[in-house]
């Protein structure tokens, strides 16, 4: 078969070869645009993979039954719609400081959600509205901590996570979820609790066409128990500006022989809100090369900052800091 294009004759085989060549070039130059198969925990094993742990001061009646999570997982559905996004429903259920626990059953999980923040007021408002509606569907005990960098130095996301972890530990939270403010879970069954292994929660992101760019990616939304986070000395405090800190955290786990896990991609779908890109960290590659050498001296044990203010808002606990 011949195809006439721009006054030239092309055989269909030539076009197929040309298309394959273009595809190969794009694959080599932009591998993140292609699906990458990876191991994940299937839906029927979600609950057994979770790490049941709560704060000591859970106030639910001892006579209340344990909360059940089987239906939350099995009945997972798309919930990123106008009803759940546009306003907070039953806001009176949320305690001062952005804390919630179900009243009709005793939760098995207490989770501190740590959100590093600066200059994204519109995104934070959208995050708080949607996430409070989302999380209360899951029958967990949770609290949202927003850690805001007040100074104008390059944004230090990893240090803010470390500060949030330190504050959460003072409230006895056994589970941390390190959460970017611009990521929203799409489906209701992605339980916001820690797993027996550190879990990469946002492995199917819409900006990656719901594919995982590379197997060692460990950022965006990550769940780690407090003991796991302490074991790796938290995250590096040296990544000023965008990029590298998540890979550094993965290297710390790798050095200690700790695997990560992911849930079924159908449960791990997230959307990313549009935002201005942060200034890249020019030293990120050099820092990353030395990640394993620094991990025992750079992290929670070297954390230096000034807490400017701690305020209990109606929807979150606000930690304002200078880095």
Protein backbone atom coordinates (compact mmCIF):
# COMPACT_ATOMS: atom_id res chain seq x y z
CA UNK A 1 0.00 0.00 0.00
CA UNK A 2 1.30 3.47 -0.94
CA UNK A 3 0.46 6.69 0.86
CA UNK A 4 1.01 10.06 -0.81
CA UNK A 5 2.23 12.65 1.70
CA UNK A 6 3.62 16.07 0.80
CA UNK A 7 4.11 14.97 -2.81
CA UNK A 8 6.16 11.93 -1.75
CA UNK A 9 5.16 8.30 -1.91
CA UNK A 10 5.57 6.27 1.28
CA UNK A 11 5.09 2.59 1.68
CA UNK A 12 3.10 1.67 4.83
CA UNK A 13 6.09 -0.38 6.04
CA UNK A 14 8.30 2.70 5.87
CA UNK A 15 5.82 4.64 7.99
CA UNK A 16 5.72 1.88 10.59
CA UNK A 17 9.51 1.82 10.79
CA UNK A 18 9.59 5.60 11.09
CA UNK A 19 6.96 5.55 13.86
CA UNK A 20 8.86 2.85 15.74
CA UNK A 21 12.05 4.89 15.52
CA UNK A 22 10.34 7.99 16.89
CA UNK A 23 8.84 5.94 19.72
CA UNK A 24 12.24 4.51 20.60
CA UNK A 25 13.80 7.98 20.67
CA UNK A 26 11.07 9.29 22.95
CA UNK A 27 11.39 6.22 25.19
CA UNK A 28 15.13 6.73 25.57
CA UNK A 29 14.89 10.49 26.16
CA UNK A 30 11.68 10.50 28.21
CA UNK A 31 11.39 7.15 29.97
CA UNK A 32 9.07 8.64 32.56
CA UNK A 33 6.34 8.79 29.92
CA UNK A 34 6.10 5.03 29.75
CA UNK A 35 4.61 2.44 32.05
CA UNK A 36 6.95 0.55 34.31
CA UNK A 37 5.79 -2.67 35.89
CA UNK A 38 6.39 -3.01 39.61
CA UNK A 39 5.46 -5.22 42.51
CA UNK A 40 2.48 -4.19 44.60
CA UNK A 41 0.25 -5.52 47.36
CA UNK A 42 -3.07 -6.77 45.95
CA UNK A 43 -6.30 -5.47 47.42
CA UNK A 44 -7.10 -8.66 49.33
CA UNK A 45 -3.89 -8.28 51.37
CA UNK A 46 -4.14 -4.55 52.18
CA UNK A 47 -5.51 -4.89 55.69
CA UNK A 48 -3.03 -7.51 56.84
CA UNK A 49 -0.16 -5.33 55.56
CA UNK A 50 -1.20 -2.38 57.73
CA UNK A 51 0.46 -1.62 61.05
CA UNK A 52 -2.19 -1.22 63.75
CA UNK A 53 -1.09 1.46 66.23
CA UNK A 54 -2.79 4.38 67.94
CA UNK A 55 -1.91 7.21 70.27
CA UNK A 56 -2.27 6.34 73.97
CA UNK A 57 -4.98 8.96 74.54
CA UNK A 58 -7.61 7.65 72.13
CA UNK A 59 -10.82 8.64 73.88
CA UNK A 60 -13.35 6.35 72.18
CA UNK A 61 -15.36 4.32 74.65
CA UNK A 62 -13.79 1.00 75.52
CA UNK A 63 -17.22 -0.51 74.91
CA UNK A 64 -17.20 0.63 71.28
CA UNK A 65 -16.38 -2.05 68.72
CA UNK A 66 -13.18 -1.87 66.70
CA UNK A 67 -13.57 0.00 63.43
CA UNK A 68 -13.75 -2.25 60.38
CA UNK A 69 -11.72 -1.46 57.30
CA UNK A 70 -12.72 -4.31 55.01
CA UNK A 71 -15.61 -2.37 53.47
CA UNK A 72 -13.57 0.83 53.18
CA UNK A 73 -11.07 -1.09 51.06
CA UNK A 74 -13.50 -3.30 49.13
CA UNK A 75 -15.89 -0.44 48.32
CA UNK A 76 -13.21 1.94 47.07
CA UNK A 77 -14.63 4.43 44.59
CA UNK A 78 -13.72 7.67 42.83
CA UNK A 79 -14.46 10.54 45.22
CA UNK A 80 -12.53 13.48 43.79
CA UNK A 81 -15.72 15.23 42.76
CA UNK A 82 -17.31 18.61 43.43
CA UNK A 83 -19.25 17.33 46.44
CA UNK A 84 -16.08 16.34 48.30
CA UNK A 85 -13.88 19.17 47.00
CA UNK A 86 -15.91 22.33 47.30
CA UNK A 87 -16.77 22.49 51.00
CA UNK A 88 -16.24 20.63 54.25
CA UNK A 89 -19.19 18.56 55.35
CA UNK A 90 -20.04 18.00 59.03
CA UNK A 91 -17.21 20.29 60.06
CA UNK A 92 -18.28 20.10 63.69
CA UNK A 93 -16.75 16.60 63.82
CA UNK A 94 -13.25 18.04 63.38
CA UNK A 95 -11.47 19.03 66.58
CA UNK A 96 -9.35 22.12 67.05
CA UNK A 97 -5.95 21.53 65.46
CA UNK A 98 -7.37 19.46 62.57
CA UNK A 99 -7.84 16.25 64.57
CA UNK A 100 -10.56 13.66 64.07
CA UNK A 101 -11.46 10.27 65.45
CA UNK A 102 -14.65 8.29 64.82
CA UNK A 103 -17.13 8.17 67.69
CA UNK A 104 -19.01 4.97 66.85
CA UNK A 105 -16.02 2.66 66.75
CA UNK A 106 -12.49 2.42 68.12
CA UNK A 107 -9.92 3.22 65.39
CA UNK A 108 -6.97 0.90 64.87
CA UNK A 109 -4.79 3.59 63.32
CA UNK A 110 -3.55 7.03 64.44
CA UNK A 111 -1.90 9.03 61.68
CA UNK A 112 -0.06 12.35 61.63
CA UNK A 113 -0.26 13.93 58.18
CA UNK A 114 2.71 16.26 57.70
CA UNK A 115 2.36 18.95 55.01
CA UNK A 116 5.35 21.20 54.20
CA UNK A 117 4.13 24.59 53.08
CA UNK A 118 4.96 28.08 51.86
CA UNK A 119 3.04 30.55 49.67
CA UNK A 120 0.37 28.17 48.37
CA UNK A 121 -2.73 29.44 50.13
CA UNK A 122 -5.18 28.41 47.41
CA UNK A 123 -3.76 24.88 47.27
CA UNK A 124 -3.76 24.56 51.05
CA UNK A 125 -7.42 25.58 51.23
CA UNK A 126 -8.30 23.00 48.56
CA UNK A 127 -6.23 20.34 50.32
CA UNK A 128 -7.85 20.89 53.72
CA UNK A 129 -11.41 20.87 52.37
CA UNK A 130 -10.98 17.72 50.35
CA UNK A 131 -8.75 15.77 52.71
CA UNK A 132 -10.96 16.23 55.76
CA UNK A 133 -13.91 14.92 53.75
CA UNK A 134 -11.78 12.10 52.39
CA UNK A 135 -10.10 10.96 55.59
CA UNK A 136 -13.27 10.77 57.65
CA UNK A 137 -14.57 8.11 55.29
CA UNK A 138 -11.82 5.79 56.51
CA UNK A 139 -12.58 5.53 60.27
CA UNK A 140 -9.05 6.44 61.31
CA UNK A 141 -7.76 8.80 63.98
CA UNK A 142 -5.73 11.56 62.31
CA UNK A 143 -4.36 15.06 62.68
CA UNK A 144 -3.09 17.39 59.97
CA UNK A 145 0.12 19.30 60.73
CA UNK A 146 1.04 22.14 58.35
CA UNK A 147 4.70 23.11 58.73
CA UNK A 148 5.31 26.51 57.16
CA UNK A 149 8.73 27.93 56.31
CA UNK A 150 8.55 31.62 57.20
CA UNK A 151 11.98 32.73 55.95
CA UNK A 152 12.80 33.43 52.31
CA UNK A 153 15.63 30.94 51.98
CA UNK A 154 15.19 28.29 49.28
CA UNK A 155 12.35 25.98 50.29
CA UNK A 156 13.60 23.08 52.41
CA UNK A 157 10.86 20.46 52.13
CA UNK A 158 12.81 17.67 53.84
CA UNK A 159 13.67 19.78 56.86
CA UNK A 160 10.00 20.71 57.22
CA UNK A 161 9.12 17.02 57.21
CA UNK A 162 11.67 16.46 59.98
CA UNK A 163 10.18 19.30 62.01
CA UNK A 164 6.69 17.91 61.48
CA UNK A 165 7.84 14.44 62.56
CA UNK A 166 9.36 15.89 65.73
CA UNK A 167 6.15 17.74 66.56
CA UNK A 168 3.99 14.69 65.77
CA UNK A 169 6.17 12.59 68.08
CA UNK A 170 5.38 15.01 70.92
CA UNK A 171 1.70 14.13 70.37
CA UNK A 172 2.59 10.39 70.41
CA UNK A 173 1.57 9.67 66.82
CA UNK A 174 2.98 6.29 65.73
CA UNK A 175 2.47 6.83 61.99
CA UNK A 176 3.62 9.61 59.68
CA UNK A 177 2.31 10.41 56.23
CA UNK A 178 4.62 12.85 54.45
CA UNK A 179 2.26 14.65 52.09
CA UNK A 180 2.79 17.31 49.41
CA UNK A 181 0.06 19.94 49.51
CA UNK A 182 -0.62 19.66 45.78
CA UNK A 183 -1.47 15.93 45.68
CA UNK A 184 -4.98 14.57 46.16
CA UNK A 185 -6.00 10.88 46.32
CA UNK A 186 -8.72 10.01 43.81
CA UNK A 187 -10.15 6.80 45.27
CA UNK A 188 -11.51 6.26 48.77
CA UNK A 189 -9.78 2.93 49.54
CA UNK A 190 -6.20 4.22 49.88
CA UNK A 191 -6.08 3.82 53.66
CA UNK A 192 -4.14 6.62 55.35
CA UNK A 193 -2.30 4.38 57.78
CA UNK A 194 1.21 3.00 57.93
CA UNK A 195 2.21 -0.39 56.60
CA UNK A 196 4.66 -2.88 58.03
CA UNK A 197 7.00 -1.61 55.31
CA UNK A 198 7.39 2.06 54.31
CA UNK A 199 4.77 2.71 51.62
CA UNK A 200 4.86 4.86 48.53
CA UNK A 201 1.22 5.91 48.29
CA UNK A 202 1.13 8.16 45.20
CA UNK A 203 2.57 5.70 42.69
CA UNK A 204 -0.11 6.37 40.03
CA UNK A 205 -0.03 10.11 39.43
CA UNK A 206 -2.08 11.74 36.67
CA UNK A 207 0.82 13.94 35.57
CA UNK A 208 2.72 10.70 34.80
CA UNK A 209 -0.33 9.28 33.04
CA UNK A 210 -0.83 7.04 36.12
CA UNK A 211 2.47 5.24 35.49
CA UNK A 212 5.42 4.94 37.83
CA UNK A 213 8.46 6.77 36.38
CA UNK A 214 11.05 4.58 38.12
CA UNK A 215 10.92 1.82 40.69
CA UNK A 216 12.94 3.61 43.36
CA UNK A 217 10.70 6.68 43.40
CA UNK A 218 9.67 7.35 47.00
CA UNK A 219 8.06 10.76 47.24
CA UNK A 220 4.88 12.78 46.85
CA UNK A 221 2.87 10.92 49.48
CA UNK A 222 4.76 8.46 51.69
CA UNK A 223 3.71 6.52 54.80
CA UNK A 224 6.32 5.56 57.40
CA UNK A 225 5.95 4.51 61.00
CA UNK A 226 7.63 6.76 63.53
CA UNK A 227 10.07 3.97 64.35
CA UNK A 228 11.01 3.56 60.67
CA UNK A 229 11.52 7.30 60.30
CA UNK A 230 13.70 7.44 63.38
CA UNK A 231 15.66 4.40 62.20
CA UNK A 232 16.85 6.25 59.07
CA UNK A 233 17.44 9.48 61.03
CA UNK A 234 14.60 11.15 59.14
CA UNK A 235 15.42 13.06 55.97
CA UNK A 236 18.44 15.14 55.04
CA UNK A 237 18.39 18.80 56.08
CA UNK A 238 20.71 19.87 53.27
CA UNK A 239 18.36 19.93 50.27
CA UNK A 240 17.64 23.65 49.90
CA UNK A 241 15.49 24.06 46.80
CA UNK A 242 13.67 21.52 44.66
CA UNK A 243 14.72 17.93 44.05
CA UNK A 244 16.78 15.06 45.41
CA UNK A 245 15.47 14.70 48.97
CA UNK A 246 13.08 11.85 48.17
CA UNK A 247 15.80 9.83 46.46
CA UNK A 248 18.03 10.53 49.45
CA UNK A 249 15.36 9.05 51.74
CA UNK A 250 15.14 5.96 49.56
CA UNK A 251 18.93 5.55 49.75
CA UNK A 252 18.74 5.63 53.55
CA UNK A 253 16.23 2.79 53.53
CA UNK A 254 18.32 0.90 51.00
CA UNK A 255 21.45 1.14 53.14
CA UNK A 256 19.58 -0.45 56.04
CA UNK A 257 18.09 -3.14 53.83
CA UNK A 258 14.51 -1.90 54.26
CA UNK A 259 12.20 -2.53 51.31
CA UNK A 260 9.32 -0.26 50.36
CA UNK A 261 5.85 -1.35 49.30
CA UNK A 262 2.97 -0.04 47.21
CA UNK A 263 -0.70 -0.83 46.97
CA UNK A 264 -2.50 -1.90 43.82
CA UNK A 265 -2.23 0.99 41.28
CA UNK A 266 -6.03 1.23 41.12
CA UNK A 267 -5.90 2.41 44.76
CA UNK A 268 -2.85 4.62 44.33
CA UNK A 269 -4.19 7.16 41.85
CA UNK A 270 -3.56 10.82 42.68
CA UNK A 271 -4.02 14.11 40.93
CA UNK A 272 -1.52 16.96 41.08
CA UNK A 273 -2.77 20.53 41.40
CA UNK A 274 -1.08 23.04 39.11
CA UNK A 275 1.67 25.06 40.74
CA UNK A 276 4.77 27.08 40.01
CA UNK A 277 7.93 24.99 40.03
CA UNK A 278 10.29 25.59 42.95
CA UNK A 279 13.90 26.64 42.30
CA UNK A 280 16.00 23.51 41.69
CA UNK A 281 18.77 22.62 44.10
CA UNK A 282 21.97 22.84 42.06
CA UNK A 283 23.81 20.60 44.53
CA UNK A 284 21.23 17.83 44.63
CA UNK A 285 23.19 15.29 42.56
CA UNK A 286 26.36 15.76 44.60
CA UNK A 287 24.37 15.46 47.82
CA UNK A 288 22.65 12.35 46.57
CA UNK A 289 25.95 10.65 45.77
CA UNK A 290 26.99 11.01 49.40
CA UNK A 291 23.58 10.17 50.90
CA UNK A 292 24.61 6.91 52.53
CA UNK A 293 27.72 8.50 54.07
CA UNK A 294 25.75 11.35 55.68
CA UNK A 295 22.65 9.57 56.91
CA UNK A 296 23.83 9.03 60.49
CA UNK A 297 24.90 12.65 60.97
CA UNK A 298 22.43 14.57 58.78
CA UNK A 299 18.76 14.36 59.71
CA UNK A 300 16.71 14.33 62.90
CA UNK A 301 19.84 14.38 65.06
CA UNK A 302 21.20 17.50 63.35
CA UNK A 303 17.91 19.39 63.05
CA UNK A 304 18.27 23.08 63.95
CA UNK A 305 15.38 25.51 63.50
CA UNK A 306 13.38 28.17 65.30
CA UNK A 307 9.71 27.60 66.02
CA UNK A 308 8.15 31.02 65.52
CA UNK A 309 4.61 30.03 66.39
CA UNK A 310 2.38 27.03 67.00
CA UNK A 311 -1.31 27.66 66.50
CA UNK A 312 -4.34 25.39 66.62
CA UNK A 313 -6.54 26.26 63.66
CA UNK A 314 -9.92 24.70 63.18
CA UNK A 315 -8.63 22.48 60.34
CA UNK A 316 -4.92 22.00 61.10
CA UNK A 317 -2.10 22.44 63.55
CA UNK A 318 0.08 25.24 62.20
CA UNK A 319 3.82 25.13 62.90
CA UNK A 320 5.54 28.31 61.69
CA UNK A 321 9.33 27.98 61.58
CA UNK A 322 12.57 29.60 60.49
CA UNK A 323 15.01 27.13 58.92
